[in-house]
Amino acid sequence: MVVLTHQVKVGDFSCTVIGDSDQRYPIDAVINMFPNIPADQVELEARRYEVEPGLIGFAINILLIESGEHHILVDTSVGGADSPLLDSLHSLGVRPERIDRVIITHGHSDHIGGIIGASGEPNFPNARYSV
């Protein structure tokens, strides 16, 4: 099932934000992700927003940009069973073979995990990749 968080038209481009998955991390891992923020501040903000401090949530969103002839994906999420990205694209009527460009914003696993499928083959075989 596709989870659309936002759709907008920008000129000739149709932009769809796909809510791909929610990841949960223990507060210690979150503190390590943001070393410039004091640990007590992270804990304070978790309490302030009534977030369970044992598991801090992060939403993972993927951007699909479509023009008349191009289908561009910005990031590929975590991949595997933790990501419904391929199902979401299918729900939108976009076959993975139609993606002709994948833009990777950075090399964290929650951005590159969906590049390769379970078979070891690229999920987007006709795409040109940019990092």
Protein backbone atom coordinates (compact mmCIF):
# COMPACT_ATOMS: atom_id res chain seq x y z
CA MET A 1 0.00 0.00 0.00
CA VAL A 2 1.34 3.41 -0.96
CA VAL A 3 1.55 6.12 1.65
CA LEU A 4 1.56 9.54 0.02
CA THR A 5 2.53 12.32 2.33
CA HIS A 6 2.47 15.10 -0.22
CA GLN A 7 1.98 15.74 -3.92
CA VAL A 8 2.79 18.98 -5.68
CA LYS A 9 3.16 20.16 -9.24
CA VAL A 10 6.21 22.33 -9.96
CA GLY A 11 6.10 23.61 -13.53
CA ASP A 12 6.10 20.52 -15.73
CA PHE A 13 7.15 18.24 -12.86
CA SER A 14 4.86 16.17 -10.71
CA CYS A 15 6.49 15.55 -7.32
CA THR A 16 5.25 12.83 -5.01
CA VAL A 17 6.64 12.27 -1.54
CA ILE A 18 6.26 8.60 -0.64
CA GLY A 19 6.19 7.81 3.07
CA ASP A 20 8.31 4.68 2.92
CA SER A 21 8.92 3.47 6.43
CA ASP A 22 9.34 4.44 10.02
CA GLN A 23 12.49 3.38 11.77
CA ARG A 24 12.90 3.26 15.55
CA TYR A 25 16.20 3.80 17.32
CA PRO A 26 17.15 3.66 20.99
CA ILE A 27 17.95 7.08 22.39
CA ASP A 28 21.66 6.18 22.70
CA ALA A 29 21.82 5.62 18.94
CA VAL A 30 20.09 8.95 18.31
CA ILE A 31 22.56 10.72 20.57
CA ASN A 32 25.41 9.15 18.57
CA MET A 33 23.81 10.30 15.28
CA PHE A 34 23.87 13.90 16.44
CA PRO A 35 27.13 14.34 18.35
CA ASN A 36 26.86 18.14 18.31
CA ILE A 37 23.66 18.08 20.36
CA PRO A 38 24.15 17.45 24.09
CA ALA A 39 22.68 14.11 25.20
CA ASP A 40 20.57 15.76 27.88
CA GLN A 41 18.98 18.01 25.22
CA VAL A 42 17.97 14.98 23.13
CA GLU A 43 16.46 13.35 26.20
CA LEU A 44 14.68 16.61 27.17
CA GLU A 45 13.15 16.98 23.69
CA ALA A 46 12.04 13.33 23.71
CA ARG A 47 10.20 13.93 26.99
CA ARG A 48 8.84 17.29 25.78
CA TYR A 49 7.19 15.67 22.76
CA GLU A 50 6.16 12.60 24.75
CA VAL A 51 8.30 10.34 22.60
CA GLU A 52 9.18 7.02 24.15
CA PRO A 53 12.86 7.56 24.97
CA GLY A 54 13.69 3.90 24.38
CA LEU A 55 12.71 4.13 20.73
CA ILE A 56 12.93 7.43 18.86
CA GLY A 57 11.11 7.36 15.51
CA PHE A 58 12.39 8.60 12.16
CA ALA A 59 10.18 8.76 9.09
CA ILE A 60 11.82 7.84 5.80
CA ASN A 61 10.43 9.65 2.76
CA ILE A 62 11.31 9.11 -0.87
CA LEU A 63 10.72 11.67 -3.61
CA LEU A 64 9.41 10.63 -7.03
CA ILE A 65 9.71 13.33 -9.70
CA GLU A 66 7.88 12.74 -12.96
CA SER A 67 7.97 14.77 -16.15
CA GLY A 68 6.46 13.77 -19.45
CA GLU A 69 9.38 11.51 -20.29
CA HIS A 70 11.42 11.06 -17.10
CA HIS A 71 10.89 9.27 -13.80
CA ILE A 72 13.39 10.33 -11.17
CA LEU A 73 13.73 8.83 -7.72
CA VAL A 74 15.52 10.71 -4.94
CA ASP A 75 16.95 8.10 -2.57
CA THR A 76 15.85 4.46 -2.33
CA SER A 77 15.12 3.95 1.39
CA VAL A 78 16.31 0.99 3.46
CA GLY A 79 15.32 -1.70 0.97
CA GLY A 80 14.33 -5.26 1.70
CA ALA A 81 11.33 -6.25 3.78
CA ASP A 82 11.53 -3.00 5.77
CA SER A 83 10.66 -0.91 2.72
CA PRO A 84 7.38 -0.86 0.77
CA LEU A 85 8.95 1.40 -1.91
CA LEU A 86 8.55 -1.02 -4.83
CA ASP A 87 4.94 -1.74 -3.82
CA SER A 88 4.29 2.00 -3.50
CA LEU A 89 5.69 2.66 -6.98
CA HIS A 90 3.53 -0.16 -8.34
CA SER A 91 0.46 1.42 -6.67
CA LEU A 92 1.33 4.67 -8.43
CA GLY A 93 1.57 2.87 -11.78
CA VAL A 94 5.34 3.24 -12.01
CA ARG A 95 7.30 0.10 -12.85
CA PRO A 96 10.90 0.03 -11.55
CA GLU A 97 12.11 -0.23 -15.17
CA ARG A 98 10.59 3.20 -15.87
CA ILE A 99 12.83 4.93 -13.33
CA ASP A 100 15.52 6.46 -15.51
CA ARG A 101 17.42 8.43 -12.87
CA VAL A 102 18.15 7.74 -9.21
CA ILE A 103 19.66 10.58 -7.20
CA ILE A 104 21.29 9.52 -3.94
CA THR A 105 21.59 12.41 -1.51
CA HIS A 106 24.16 10.65 0.67
CA GLY A 107 25.42 7.18 1.48
CA HIS A 108 23.54 6.31 4.67
CA SER A 109 21.82 2.92 4.59
CA ASP A 110 18.35 4.47 4.82
CA HIS A 111 19.05 6.27 1.52
CA ILE A 112 20.86 3.56 -0.48
CA GLY A 113 19.40 0.30 0.86
CA GLY A 114 16.85 -0.02 -1.94
CA ILE A 115 19.33 0.18 -4.82
CA ILE A 116 19.84 -3.59 -4.94
CA GLY A 117 17.05 -6.16 -4.58
CA ALA A 118 17.04 -9.50 -2.77
CA SER A 119 18.32 -11.20 -5.94
CA GLY A 120 21.42 -8.99 -5.97
CA GLU A 121 20.24 -7.21 -9.12
CA PRO A 122 19.48 -3.47 -9.29
CA ASN A 123 15.90 -2.60 -8.41
CA PHE A 124 15.97 0.14 -11.05
CA PRO A 125 17.84 -1.50 -13.94
CA ASN A 126 17.42 1.31 -16.48
CA ALA A 127 18.36 4.14 -14.15
CA ARG A 128 21.40 6.33 -14.29
CA TYR A 129 22.67 6.92 -10.76
CA SER A 130 23.95 10.18 -9.35
CA VAL A 131 25.35 10.75 -5.88
